[in-house]
Amino acid sequence: MKAQVFRGVNQLSYEEVPVPTLAADEVLVQVRVVGLCQSDIKKILYPLYQPPRIFGHETAGVISAVGEAVTDWQVGQRVVVMHHIPCMRCEYCLNENFSMCEVYKNITTTAGFAPSGGGFAEYVKVPGHIVRSGGLIPIPDDVTFEQASFVEPTNCCLKAVKKAEVKPGETVLITGAGPIGLMFIMLVKYFGGRAIATDLLPSRIDKALAVGAEAAFDARDPDLPKKIQALTNGLGVNTTLLAVPSDKAFFQALDCTRKGGKILFFAEFPDEVEIPINPNILYRREIDLMGSYSSSFRLQSLATDIVFNRRIDVDALVSDRYPLQDLSQAVAKAVSPTPETYKILIYP
């Protein structure tokens, strides 16, 4: 089969690799579409993992083979593949902190080499514990593979919105109106909140308004805190979701978030970034800082319902489609986006 093999920093090789062989409890999925995630891009562009590997994890496809012990799945079924499934037994899982579970963090779906997701290939193998424990999700006939590929990123964003406890009537500032920021806008609106977005690109500001933001501003606007106060009875937003790894965005969030509010870090910052902050700001204003990493197993059915029943418009997020052989060009486009670049999908 064809696959895009990571051979070193910013080195992708489109080559022939063996189709994975199955153990008795495993399933082989023919990949129909896979989303290009920012985490994939970081793994390709930075020395985070030893090559060779095959990345890609926002995967939707068709079951092409099942192991002899698999009874609940059949060849021909359309499925979403979840690459993370927790053990449900460790201390983290028992406290529903699933993304900290070592089994969860140890990615085992693979198209060859060290298991790394495997979506950037024609076929991906799904190991037994994922097959048995909810890691395959059947796709209804009226849902496209493209739409289904959004289940995993929707879960990630949904987890953040739930962790921040966004309530009906609350106002949420979303920094960055890329594909993740746009999804946050849709989810905040779905749960009854009011979304305000910021970005540097006029086209993304317009897009934020088009998908449901009540207001959207240039992130460089020196009067942004005043404008947000004017929209919130002089109080500021209840919650800020940081969808860009920017220290300027963080300090802007401090200026725009009300007393007793929350600031949630969703985008991953470079490790070398340090943000100096006077702790008395948090103490006196009772601002809660929190982080949200990856998805939550507990929210998997809700994320599936939101996507499959079109409670948010994931089709509006897609801007570019590339064949698998052009993955390098897709990565380059994501790193240097045009004003109209949002979610990029890959087709093996």
Foldseek 3Di string as FASTA:
>chain_A
DWFFWQQDALDTDTDDDDADDDDQQKWKWFFFKFWDDPVNLCVRHDPPDHDGFGATALTKGFTQDHHNNDDPDDGGFTKTAHQFDAPCPDPCNVVLVRCVGPSRVLGDWGRDDRRHRHNRGRMIMDDRVCSPGPRIDTADPVADRLLSSCLFVLQLLVQQCVVQVQAAAFEEEEEDQFQSSLSNQLVSVLRRYAYEYEDQFPLSQVLSVVQHHPHYYHLPPPCVLVVQCVVVVNFAGQEYEYPDQDLSVVVVNLSRHGQLHEYEYEDDHPPVDDHDDDCVSCVVSVYYYYYGYGGGPVCSVVSVCCRSVVSGPSVSQEDEEEESVCVSVVSVCVVVPDSRHHIYMYGD
